[in-house]
N, C-alpha and C. Protein backbone atom coordinates (compact mmCIF):
# COMPACT_ATOMS: atom_id res chain seq x y z
N UNK A 1 0.77 -1.24 -0.23
CA UNK A 1 0.13 0.15 -0.03
C UNK A 1 0.73 1.24 -0.14
N UNK A 2 2.00 1.33 0.22
CA UNK A 2 2.71 2.47 0.39
C UNK A 2 3.16 3.15 -1.02
N UNK A 3 3.18 2.16 -2.17
CA UNK A 3 2.77 2.78 -3.35
C UNK A 3 1.83 3.66 -3.60
N UNK A 4 0.81 3.57 -3.30
CA UNK A 4 -0.27 4.24 -3.89
C UNK A 4 -0.22 5.88 -3.50
N UNK A 5 0.31 6.41 -2.50
CA UNK A 5 0.40 7.38 -2.19
C UNK A 5 1.63 8.46 -3.23
N UNK A 6 2.44 7.28 -3.78
CA UNK A 6 3.31 7.78 -4.50
C UNK A 6 2.71 7.90 -5.82
N UNK A 7 1.90 6.71 -6.28
CA UNK A 7 1.14 6.60 -7.47
C UNK A 7 0.68 7.75 -7.91
N UNK A 8 -0.36 7.67 -6.64
CA UNK A 8 -1.39 9.43 -6.81
C UNK A 8 -0.51 10.81 -6.81
N UNK A 9 0.79 10.92 -6.33
CA UNK A 9 1.08 11.80 -6.17
C UNK A 9 2.16 11.98 -7.88
N UNK A 10 2.23 10.75 -8.56
CA UNK A 10 2.90 11.38 -9.74
C UNK A 10 2.14 11.06 -10.53
N UNK A 11 0.56 10.97 -10.40
CA UNK A 11 -0.23 11.09 -11.35
C UNK A 11 -0.41 12.74 -11.24
N UNK A 12 -0.56 13.37 -10.41
CA UNK A 12 -0.58 15.02 -10.46
C UNK A 12 0.36 15.46 -11.34
N UNK A 13 1.62 14.87 -11.11
CA UNK A 13 2.49 15.49 -12.20
C UNK A 13 2.35 14.59 -13.43
N UNK A 14 2.26 13.50 -13.42
CA UNK A 14 1.76 13.16 -14.79
C UNK A 14 1.03 13.46 -15.73
N UNK A 15 0.35 14.06 -14.77
CA UNK A 15 -1.06 15.15 -15.75
C UNK A 15 -0.44 15.71 -16.99
N UNK A 16 0.31 16.60 -16.40
CA UNK A 16 1.32 17.61 -17.19
C UNK A 16 1.97 16.87 -18.15
N UNK A 17 2.85 16.02 -17.83
CA UNK A 17 3.75 15.18 -18.50
C UNK A 17 2.86 14.36 -19.34
N UNK A 18 1.82 13.58 -19.20
CA UNK A 18 0.72 12.97 -19.84
C UNK A 18 -0.07 13.86 -21.29
N UNK A 19 -0.29 14.99 -20.65
CA UNK A 19 -0.48 16.04 -22.01
C UNK A 19 0.58 15.99 -22.53
N UNK A 20 1.88 16.25 -22.45
CA UNK A 20 3.13 16.33 -23.26
C UNK A 20 3.35 15.25 -24.03
N UNK A 21 2.95 14.07 -23.13
CA UNK A 21 3.05 12.75 -24.26
C UNK A 21 2.37 12.76 -25.05
N UNK A 22 0.72 13.14 -24.86
CA UNK A 22 -0.23 12.80 -25.51
C UNK A 22 0.13 14.16 -26.83
N UNK A 23 0.73 15.05 -26.86
CA UNK A 23 1.13 15.86 -27.44
C UNK A 23 1.91 15.75 -28.18
N UNK A 24 3.28 14.78 -27.64
CA UNK A 24 4.33 13.83 -28.97
C UNK A 24 3.98 13.28 -29.52
N UNK A 25 2.66 12.34 -28.83
CA UNK A 25 2.30 11.31 -29.70
C UNK A 25 1.34 11.62 -30.82
N UNK A 26 0.47 12.75 -30.59
CA UNK A 26 -0.17 13.37 -31.64
C UNK A 26 0.87 13.84 -32.67
N UNK A 27 2.06 14.56 -32.18
CA UNK A 27 2.80 14.99 -33.70
C UNK A 27 3.44 14.08 -33.80
N UNK A 28 3.89 13.22 -33.22
CA UNK A 28 4.53 12.30 -34.24
C UNK A 28 3.42 10.95 -34.98
N UNK A 29 2.46 10.92 -34.82
CA UNK A 29 1.34 10.67 -35.74
C UNK A 29 0.97 11.77 -37.10
N UNK A 30 1.14 12.91 -36.68
CA UNK A 30 1.01 13.76 -37.60
C UNK A 30 2.14 13.78 -38.64
N UNK A 31 3.49 13.39 -38.25
CA UNK A 31 4.33 13.61 -38.76
C UNK A 31 4.27 12.29 -39.88
N UNK A 32 4.13 11.31 -39.20
CA UNK A 32 3.79 9.96 -39.96
C UNK A 32 2.83 9.79 -41.22
N UNK A 33 1.81 10.54 -40.43
CA UNK A 33 0.75 10.54 -41.68
C UNK A 33 1.12 11.59 -42.92
N UNK A 34 2.04 12.78 -42.61
CA UNK A 34 2.08 13.55 -43.40
C UNK A 34 3.33 12.81 -44.67
N UNK A 35 4.15 12.27 -43.78
CA UNK A 35 5.00 11.07 -44.59
C UNK A 35 4.09 10.22 -45.44
N UNK A 36 3.57 9.62 -45.42
CA UNK A 36 2.37 8.70 -45.88
C UNK A 36 1.76 9.73 -47.14
N UNK A 37 1.24 11.01 -46.74
CA UNK A 37 0.75 11.74 -47.58
C UNK A 37 1.42 12.15 -48.96
N UNK A 38 3.03 12.56 -48.52
CA UNK A 38 3.97 12.64 -49.52
C UNK A 38 4.20 11.29 -50.24
N UNK A 39 4.34 10.58 -49.88
CA UNK A 39 4.10 8.97 -50.62
C UNK A 39 3.33 8.86 -51.68
N UNK A 40 2.08 9.12 -51.25
CA UNK A 40 1.13 8.80 -51.90
C UNK A 40 0.99 10.09 -53.11
N UNK A 41 1.45 10.96 -53.02
CA UNK A 41 1.41 12.07 -53.84
C UNK A 41 2.58 11.65 -55.11
N UNK A 42 4.04 11.07 -54.20
CA UNK A 42 5.17 10.49 -55.35
C UNK A 42 4.38 9.53 -56.10
N UNK A 43 4.04 8.39 -55.78
CA UNK A 43 3.06 7.33 -56.66
C UNK A 43 1.91 7.83 -57.25
N UNK A 44 1.22 8.42 -57.04
CA UNK A 44 0.24 9.27 -57.97
C UNK A 44 0.80 10.42 -59.21
N UNK A 45 1.98 11.01 -59.15
CA UNK A 45 2.75 11.48 -59.94
C UNK A 45 3.07 10.30 -60.75
N UNK A 46 4.46 9.71 -60.34
CA UNK A 46 4.82 8.76 -61.16
C UNK A 46 4.01 8.04 -61.97
N UNK A 47 2.74 7.66 -61.50
CA UNK A 47 1.70 6.74 -62.04
C UNK A 47 1.42 8.25 -63.42
N UNK A 48 1.09 9.37 -63.18
CA UNK A 48 0.24 10.32 -64.16
C UNK A 48 1.49 10.30 -65.26
N UNK A 49 2.59 10.24 -65.00
CA UNK A 49 3.78 10.55 -65.75
C UNK A 49 4.17 9.49 -66.82
N UNK A 50 3.68 7.98 -65.73
CA UNK A 50 3.89 6.66 -66.57
C UNK A 50 2.73 7.25 -67.60
N UNK A 51 1.54 6.78 -67.29
CA UNK A 51 0.67 6.86 -68.49
C UNK A 51 0.59 7.76 -69.94
N UNK A 52 1.47 9.26 -69.30
CA UNK A 52 1.60 10.23 -70.36
C UNK A 52 2.50 10.18 -70.87
N UNK A 53 3.50 9.29 -70.79
CA UNK A 53 4.34 8.77 -71.81
C UNK A 53 3.84 7.20 -72.24
N UNK A 54 3.54 6.54 -71.94
CA UNK A 54 2.71 5.55 -72.56
C UNK A 54 1.66 6.00 -74.03
N UNK A 55 0.97 6.97 -73.24
CA UNK A 55 0.20 7.80 -74.48
C UNK A 55 0.84 8.33 -75.71
N UNK A 56 1.93 9.12 -74.97
CA UNK A 56 3.10 9.52 -75.80
C UNK A 56 3.55 8.56 -76.99
N UNK A 57 4.04 7.37 -76.47
CA UNK A 57 4.40 6.24 -77.30
C UNK A 57 3.19 6.05 -78.07
N UNK A 58 2.07 5.43 -77.77
CA UNK A 58 1.23 4.96 -78.47
C UNK A 58 0.52 5.85 -79.65
N UNK A 59 0.86 7.59 -79.21
CA UNK A 59 0.36 8.67 -80.50
C UNK A 59 1.41 8.36 -81.61
N UNK A 60 2.91 8.59 -80.70
CA UNK A 60 3.74 8.94 -82.00
C UNK A 60 4.25 7.08 -82.72
N UNK A 61 3.73 6.10 -82.26
CA UNK A 61 3.68 4.78 -83.20
C UNK A 61 2.33 4.71 -84.03
N UNK A 62 1.25 5.45 -84.16
CA UNK A 62 0.10 5.35 -84.21
C UNK A 62 -0.16 6.21 -86.21
N UNK A 63 1.26 7.11 -86.07
CA UNK A 63 1.36 7.53 -87.15
C UNK A 63 1.80 7.39 -88.13
């Protein structure tokens, strides 16, 4: 039982650090999501260029 008062005292302090931890976790998640967005954008642009090059090749071969 002696651990309970220490734990409750730490909970009061960990409230602030808990908020900081939550904020850090949110920022890390946001950074990860932003990285995914850049990867999706890169794949999308690569795909668009690939389609465009295939279409240009098809038009040049049709002449």
